[in-house]
Amino acid sequence: MRSPSDPPHSEKSRKPQRPASRDDRLKAALKANMARRKAQARARTAEDGPGDDLDETEGD
């Protein structure tokens, strides 16, 4: 049961919890960076596509 002084659930979810220590912040930043790089790599792979191999064989 919630007390009247508790903020609404939506207000709690708006503010992300800040990691307490430097190590935790670095770990979170590294995780976000790796996720971003993986997404970029997937986008490049999808952009190339399986049918784009024709450019490589035209020079023969």
Protein backbone atom coordinates (compact mmCIF):
# COMPACT_ATOMS: atom_id res chain seq x y z
CA MET A 1 0.00 0.00 0.00
CA ARG A 2 1.30 3.46 -0.90
CA SER A 3 1.43 6.35 1.46
CA PRO A 4 0.08 9.76 0.38
CA SER A 5 3.60 11.22 0.46
CA ASP A 6 4.87 8.78 -2.19
CA PRO A 7 5.18 10.34 -5.65
CA PRO A 8 3.06 8.82 -8.42
CA HIS A 9 4.57 5.84 -10.21
CA SER A 10 5.03 7.79 -13.46
CA GLU A 11 7.03 10.46 -11.65
CA LYS A 12 9.39 7.85 -10.22
CA SER A 13 10.08 6.34 -13.63
CA ARG A 14 10.93 9.71 -15.22
CA LYS A 15 14.08 10.20 -13.16
CA PRO A 16 16.69 7.52 -13.84
CA GLN A 17 18.65 6.34 -10.84
CA ARG A 18 22.20 7.69 -10.90
CA PRO A 19 24.89 5.13 -10.15
CA ALA A 20 26.49 5.82 -6.81
CA SER A 21 30.17 5.36 -7.60
CA ARG A 22 32.52 6.30 -10.42
CA ASP A 23 32.94 2.63 -11.34
CA ASP A 24 29.19 2.23 -11.68
CA ARG A 25 28.97 5.32 -13.90
CA LEU A 26 31.83 4.08 -16.09
CA LYS A 27 30.25 0.64 -16.32
CA ALA A 28 26.91 2.14 -17.39
CA ALA A 29 28.60 4.41 -19.94
CA LEU A 30 30.55 1.50 -21.40
CA LYS A 31 27.41 -0.61 -21.64
CA ALA A 32 25.56 2.19 -23.44
CA ASN A 33 28.51 2.77 -25.78
CA MET A 34 28.76 -0.92 -26.67
CA ALA A 35 25.01 -1.10 -27.33
CA ARG A 36 25.25 1.95 -29.60
CA ARG A 37 28.20 0.48 -31.51
CA LYS A 38 26.39 -2.85 -31.96
CA ALA A 39 23.34 -1.03 -33.30
CA GLN A 40 25.53 0.92 -35.73
CA ALA A 41 27.21 -2.29 -36.91
CA ARG A 42 23.82 -3.96 -37.42
CA ALA A 43 22.61 -0.95 -39.40
CA ARG A 44 25.70 -1.05 -41.62
CA THR A 45 25.26 -4.79 -42.19
CA ALA A 46 21.59 -4.35 -43.04
CA GLU A 47 22.46 -1.44 -45.33
CA ASP A 48 24.93 -3.58 -47.29
CA GLY A 49 22.37 -6.33 -47.71
CA PRO A 50 22.89 -9.70 -49.37
CA GLY A 51 22.31 -8.42 -52.93
CA ASP A 52 24.97 -5.72 -52.95
CA ASP A 53 27.82 -8.06 -53.92
CA LEU A 54 27.52 -6.96 -57.57
CA ASP A 55 29.74 -3.91 -57.05
CA GLU A 56 32.69 -6.09 -56.07
CA THR A 57 32.49 -8.35 -59.14
CA GLU A 58 32.01 -5.61 -61.77
CA GLY A 59 35.74 -4.76 -61.81
CA ASP A 60 36.77 -8.20 -63.13
